[in-house]
Amino acid sequence: MLSQIERGEKNPTIQVACQIAAGLGVTLSELLGEHEPKEIIMIKKEERYVYRDEQSGFERHLLSPVFPGQPIEFILNIIPPGQQSGVFPPHPKGTKEYIAVASGTLRVVLGERHYDLHEGDSLYYDAACEHQFINTGKEECRYYLIIHSPASKT
C-alpha cells in the first residue's frame, strides 16, 4: 500500500496516515505539510492544507504552519452527519489535545469512555490513548482541535 500512496495511486485513510507518521516519528501535519519555518506566517483559507477521507467525508483543515520541532498543531475538523473519523492510534506520551465545538454535536471516544459535546463545549485530554470523533447529530459538526506534542524526533 505504501508504494501505491507514494505513486499517487491511492489516498490513505486518516488512520493509515497517522500510523505512517507515528512509524516515522513525526506528527501527521509534519508528514503531510511543507516545512518552511518563518517568524510570521499567514495562511489564507484557499492555501491551507486540507485532508479529506473519501470514505467518511471527514475533513482535516490544517490552520497552523508545519515545520520540524513545532509542538502545536491547530486544526479545524469537519464531520458530516452520522459519520466518524475512525480510530486514531495513541499519540506519544505527553501529547495533549484540546477541542472546542463550533457547531453540531460531537462524541469523543477516549479508550472505553466517551464524552458528548455540543456547540460551545470544550474538552481537554491526554491523547496517549486510542481516540475517535463521531458526529452523532443530524447536521455537520465543526470543531477546532489543538494538538500539543512533546518535541518530535526531527
C-alpha atoms as a PDB file:
ATOM      1  CA  MET A   1       0.000   0.000   0.000  1.00  0.00           C
ATOM      2  CA  LEU A   2       2.845   2.438   0.772  1.00  0.00           C
ATOM      3  CA  SER A   3       4.149   2.208  -2.772  1.00  0.00           C
ATOM      4  CA  GLN A   4       0.654   2.975  -4.132  1.00  0.00           C
ATOM      5  CA  ILE A   5       0.467   6.036  -1.868  1.00  0.00           C
ATOM      6  CA  GLU A   6       3.949   7.172  -2.961  1.00  0.00           C
ATOM      7  CA  ARG A   7       2.960   6.879  -6.637  1.00  0.00           C
ATOM      8  CA  GLY A   8      -0.233   8.857  -6.012  1.00  0.00           C
ATOM      9  CA  GLU A   9      -2.420   5.889  -6.959  1.00  0.00           C
ATOM     10  CA  LYS A  10      -4.133   5.685  -3.588  1.00  0.00           C
ATOM     11  CA  ASN A  11      -5.056   8.113  -0.800  1.00  0.00           C
ATOM     12  CA  PRO A  12      -4.582   6.719   2.705  1.00  0.00           C
ATOM     13  CA  THR A  13      -7.350   6.947   5.269  1.00  0.00           C
ATOM     14  CA  ILE A  14      -6.642   9.347   8.118  1.00  0.00           C
ATOM     15  CA  GLN A  15      -5.902   6.327  10.356  1.00  0.00           C
ATOM     16  CA  VAL A  16      -3.311   4.915   7.926  1.00  0.00           C
ATOM     17  CA  ALA A  17      -1.705   8.352   7.550  1.00  0.00           C
ATOM     18  CA  CYS A  18      -1.461   8.605  11.374  1.00  0.00           C
ATOM     19  CA  GLN A  19       0.165   5.174  11.567  1.00  0.00           C
ATOM     20  CA  ILE A  20       2.714   6.135   8.897  1.00  0.00           C
ATOM     21  CA  ALA A  21       3.509   9.368  10.750  1.00  0.00           C
ATOM     22  CA  ALA A  22       3.888   7.508  14.057  1.00  0.00           C
ATOM     23  CA  GLY A  23       6.221   4.993  12.401  1.00  0.00           C
ATOM     24  CA  LEU A  24       8.374   7.847  11.113  1.00  0.00           C
ATOM     25  CA  GLY A  25       8.349   9.623  14.479  1.00  0.00           C
ATOM     26  CA  VAL A  26       6.677  12.779  13.144  1.00  0.00           C
ATOM     27  CA  THR A  27       3.268  14.415  13.534  1.00  0.00           C
ATOM     28  CA  LEU A  28       0.616  13.939  10.873  1.00  0.00           C
ATOM     29  CA  SER A  29       0.998  17.605   9.924  1.00  0.00           C
ATOM     30  CA  GLU A  30       4.762  17.200   9.502  1.00  0.00           C
ATOM     31  CA  LEU A  31       4.161  14.178   7.274  1.00  0.00           C
ATOM     32  CA  LEU A  32       1.593  15.916   5.059  1.00  0.00           C
ATOM     33  CA  GLY A  33       2.753  19.541   5.109  1.00  0.00           C
ATOM     34  CA  GLU A  34       5.625  21.613   3.840  1.00  0.00           C
ATOM     35  CA  HIS A  35       8.428  22.696   6.144  1.00  0.00           C
ATOM     36  CA  GLU A  36       9.061  26.449   5.981  1.00  0.00           C
ATOM     37  CA  PRO A  37       9.973  27.953   9.369  1.00  0.00           C
ATOM     38  CA  LYS A  38       9.442  31.724   9.438  1.00  0.00           C
ATOM     39  CA  GLU A  39       8.773  34.288  12.154  1.00  0.00           C
ATOM     40  CA  ILE A  40       5.372  35.363  10.794  1.00  0.00           C
ATOM     41  CA  ILE A  41       3.246  33.084   8.658  1.00  0.00           C
ATOM     42  CA  MET A  42      -0.203  33.885   7.311  1.00  0.00           C
ATOM     43  CA  ILE A  43      -2.183  31.013   5.846  1.00  0.00           C
ATOM     44  CA  LYS A  44      -5.091  32.092   3.665  1.00  0.00           C
ATOM     45  CA  LYS A  45      -8.169  29.887   3.579  1.00  0.00           C
ATOM     46  CA  GLU A  46      -7.506  28.821  -0.004  1.00  0.00           C
ATOM     47  CA  GLU A  47      -3.858  27.991   0.829  1.00  0.00           C
ATOM     48  CA  ARG A  48      -4.425  25.791   3.867  1.00  0.00           C
ATOM     49  CA  TYR A  49      -3.757  22.088   3.646  1.00  0.00           C
ATOM     50  CA  VAL A  50      -6.978  20.034   3.636  1.00  0.00           C
ATOM     51  CA  TYR A  51      -7.075  16.271   4.014  1.00  0.00           C
ATOM     52  CA  ARG A  52     -10.378  14.609   3.096  1.00  0.00           C
ATOM     53  CA  ASP A  53     -11.168  10.985   3.875  1.00  0.00           C
ATOM     54  CA  GLU A  54     -13.049   9.750   0.803  1.00  0.00           C
ATOM     55  CA  GLN A  55     -14.896   7.029   2.743  1.00  0.00           C
ATOM     56  CA  SER A  56     -16.377   9.123   5.548  1.00  0.00           C
ATOM     57  CA  GLY A  57     -16.176  12.694   4.250  1.00  0.00           C
ATOM     58  CA  PHE A  58     -14.151  13.624   7.365  1.00  0.00           C
ATOM     59  CA  GLU A  59     -12.096  16.751   6.634  1.00  0.00           C
ATOM     60  CA  ARG A  60      -8.977  17.966   8.439  1.00  0.00           C
ATOM     61  CA  HIS A  61      -8.043  21.604   7.732  1.00  0.00           C
ATOM     62  CA  LEU A  62      -4.574  22.465   8.984  1.00  0.00           C
ATOM     63  CA  LEU A  63      -4.681  26.050  10.270  1.00  0.00           C
ATOM     64  CA  SER A  64      -1.132  26.231  11.625  1.00  0.00           C
ATOM     65  CA  PRO A  65       2.203  26.207   9.811  1.00  0.00           C
ATOM     66  CA  VAL A  66       4.200  22.992   9.711  1.00  0.00           C
ATOM     67  CA  PHE A  67       7.899  22.716  10.352  1.00  0.00           C
ATOM     68  CA  PRO A  68      10.121  20.301  12.277  1.00  0.00           C
ATOM     69  CA  GLY A  69      10.012  20.630  16.037  1.00  0.00           C
ATOM     70  CA  GLN A  70       6.786  22.675  16.074  1.00  0.00           C
ATOM     71  CA  PRO A  71       4.918  21.270  19.104  1.00  0.00           C
ATOM     72  CA  ILE A  72       1.490  22.796  18.292  1.00  0.00           C
ATOM     73  CA  GLU A  73      -0.969  21.819  15.560  1.00  0.00           C
ATOM     74  CA  PHE A  74      -4.103  23.948  15.113  1.00  0.00           C
ATOM     75  CA  ILE A  75      -6.797  22.121  13.135  1.00  0.00           C
ATOM     76  CA  LEU A  76     -10.403  22.578  12.019  1.00  0.00           C
ATOM     77  CA  ASN A  77     -12.135  19.219  11.628  1.00  0.00           C
ATOM     78  CA  ILE A  78     -15.453  18.759   9.839  1.00  0.00           C
ATOM     79  CA  ILE A  79     -17.531  15.581  10.093  1.00  0.00           C
ATOM     80  CA  PRO A  80     -20.728  15.011   8.073  1.00  0.00           C
ATOM     81  CA  PRO A  81     -23.878  13.870   9.957  1.00  0.00           C
ATOM     82  CA  GLY A  82     -23.698  10.265  11.137  1.00  0.00           C
ATOM     83  CA  GLN A  83     -20.031   9.897  10.163  1.00  0.00           C
ATOM     84  CA  GLN A  84     -16.865   9.430  12.169  1.00  0.00           C
ATOM     85  CA  SER A  85     -13.145   9.996  11.994  1.00  0.00           C
ATOM     86  CA  GLY A  86     -12.197   6.384  12.538  1.00  0.00           C
ATOM     87  CA  VAL A  87      -9.971   5.358  15.440  1.00  0.00           C
ATOM     88  CA  PHE A  88      -6.735   7.281  15.899  1.00  0.00           C
ATOM     89  CA  PRO A  89      -3.823   5.414  17.488  1.00  0.00           C
ATOM     90  CA  PRO A  90      -2.406   6.720  20.768  1.00  0.00           C
ATOM     91  CA  HIS A  91      -0.112   9.738  20.435  1.00  0.00           C
ATOM     92  CA  PRO A  92       3.310   9.708  22.129  1.00  0.00           C
ATOM     93  CA  LYS A  93       3.291  10.094  25.910  1.00  0.00           C
ATOM     94  CA  GLY A  94       2.906  13.744  26.885  1.00  0.00           C
ATOM     95  CA  THR A  95       0.689  14.691  23.919  1.00  0.00           C
ATOM     96  CA  LYS A  96      -2.373  16.728  24.924  1.00  0.00           C
ATOM     97  CA  GLU A  97      -5.418  17.603  22.830  1.00  0.00           C
ATOM     98  CA  TYR A  98      -7.845  20.493  23.261  1.00  0.00           C
ATOM     99  CA  ILE A  99     -11.221  20.504  21.479  1.00  0.00           C
ATOM    100  CA  ALA A 100     -13.808  23.271  21.065  1.00  0.00           C
ATOM    101  CA  VAL A 101     -17.034  22.518  19.182  1.00  0.00           C
ATOM    102  CA  ALA A 102     -18.011  25.375  16.845  1.00  0.00           C
ATOM    103  CA  SER A 103     -21.216  23.762  15.537  1.00  0.00           C
ATOM    104  CA  GLY A 104     -23.085  20.482  15.706  1.00  0.00           C
ATOM    105  CA  THR A 105     -22.744  17.555  18.080  1.00  0.00           C
ATOM    106  CA  LEU A 106     -19.568  15.577  18.705  1.00  0.00           C
ATOM    107  CA  ARG A 107     -18.940  12.362  20.600  1.00  0.00           C
ATOM    108  CA  VAL A 108     -15.311  11.962  21.644  1.00  0.00           C
ATOM    109  CA  VAL A 109     -14.340   8.375  22.442  1.00  0.00           C
ATOM    110  CA  LEU A 110     -11.232   8.029  24.624  1.00  0.00           C
ATOM    111  CA  GLY A 111     -10.422   4.372  25.129  1.00  0.00           C
ATOM    112  CA  GLU A 112     -13.507   2.880  26.831  1.00  0.00           C
ATOM    113  CA  ARG A 113     -15.072   6.237  27.806  1.00  0.00           C
ATOM    114  CA  HIS A 114     -16.997   8.747  25.715  1.00  0.00           C
ATOM    115  CA  TYR A 115     -17.978  12.401  26.071  1.00  0.00           C
ATOM    116  CA  ASP A 116     -20.832  14.128  24.229  1.00  0.00           C
ATOM    117  CA  LEU A 117     -20.109  17.730  23.288  1.00  0.00           C
ATOM    118  CA  HIS A 118     -22.388  20.367  21.794  1.00  0.00           C
ATOM    119  CA  GLU A 119     -21.817  23.779  20.239  1.00  0.00           C
ATOM    120  CA  GLY A 120     -19.689  25.869  22.593  1.00  0.00           C
ATOM    121  CA  ASP A 121     -18.456  22.899  24.667  1.00  0.00           C
ATOM    122  CA  SER A 122     -14.771  22.093  25.053  1.00  0.00           C
ATOM    123  CA  LEU A 123     -12.676  19.148  26.205  1.00  0.00           C
ATOM    124  CA  TYR A 124      -9.039  18.629  27.189  1.00  0.00           C
ATOM    125  CA  TYR A 125      -7.344  15.221  27.478  1.00  0.00           C
ATOM    126  CA  ASP A 126      -4.129  13.241  27.398  1.00  0.00           C
ATOM    127  CA  ALA A 127      -4.008  11.781  23.872  1.00  0.00           C
ATOM    128  CA  ALA A 128      -1.822   8.776  24.716  1.00  0.00           C
ATOM    129  CA  CYS A 129      -4.850   6.514  24.167  1.00  0.00           C
ATOM    130  CA  GLU A 130      -6.908   5.421  21.169  1.00  0.00           C
ATOM    131  CA  HIS A 131      -9.419   8.126  20.339  1.00  0.00           C
ATOM    132  CA  GLN A 132     -12.240   8.685  17.892  1.00  0.00           C
ATOM    133  CA  PHE A 133     -14.576  11.507  16.885  1.00  0.00           C
ATOM    134  CA  ILE A 134     -18.201  10.783  15.919  1.00  0.00           C
ATOM    135  CA  ASN A 135     -20.871  13.177  14.661  1.00  0.00           C
ATOM    136  CA  THR A 136     -23.978  11.940  16.473  1.00  0.00           C
ATOM    137  CA  GLY A 137     -26.143  14.802  15.217  1.00  0.00           C
ATOM    138  CA  LYS A 138     -28.237  15.494  12.137  1.00  0.00           C
ATOM    139  CA  GLU A 139     -26.062  18.346  10.845  1.00  0.00           C
ATOM    140  CA  GLU A 140     -22.409  18.832  10.026  1.00  0.00           C
ATOM    141  CA  CYS A 141     -20.105  19.065  13.051  1.00  0.00           C
ATOM    142  CA  ARG A 142     -17.219  21.569  13.045  1.00  0.00           C
ATOM    143  CA  TYR A 143     -14.704  21.554  15.847  1.00  0.00           C
ATOM    144  CA  TYR A 144     -11.317  23.049  16.496  1.00  0.00           C
ATOM    145  CA  LEU A 145      -8.531  20.796  17.685  1.00  0.00           C
ATOM    146  CA  ILE A 146      -5.210  21.835  19.153  1.00  0.00           C
ATOM    147  CA  ILE A 147      -2.613  19.091  19.489  1.00  0.00           C
ATOM    148  CA  HIS A 148       0.291  19.870  21.798  1.00  0.00           C
ATOM    149  CA  SER A 149       3.021  17.277  21.248  1.00  0.00           C
ATOM    150  CA  PRO A 150       6.288  16.659  23.008  1.00  0.00           C
ATOM    151  CA  ALA A 151       9.301  17.555  20.842  1.00  0.00           C
ATOM    152  CA  SER A 152       9.313  15.491  17.635  1.00  0.00           C
ATOM    153  CA  LYS A 153      12.254  13.340  16.561  1.00  0.00           C
ATOM    154  CA  THR A 154      13.071  15.519  13.548  1.00  0.00           C
END
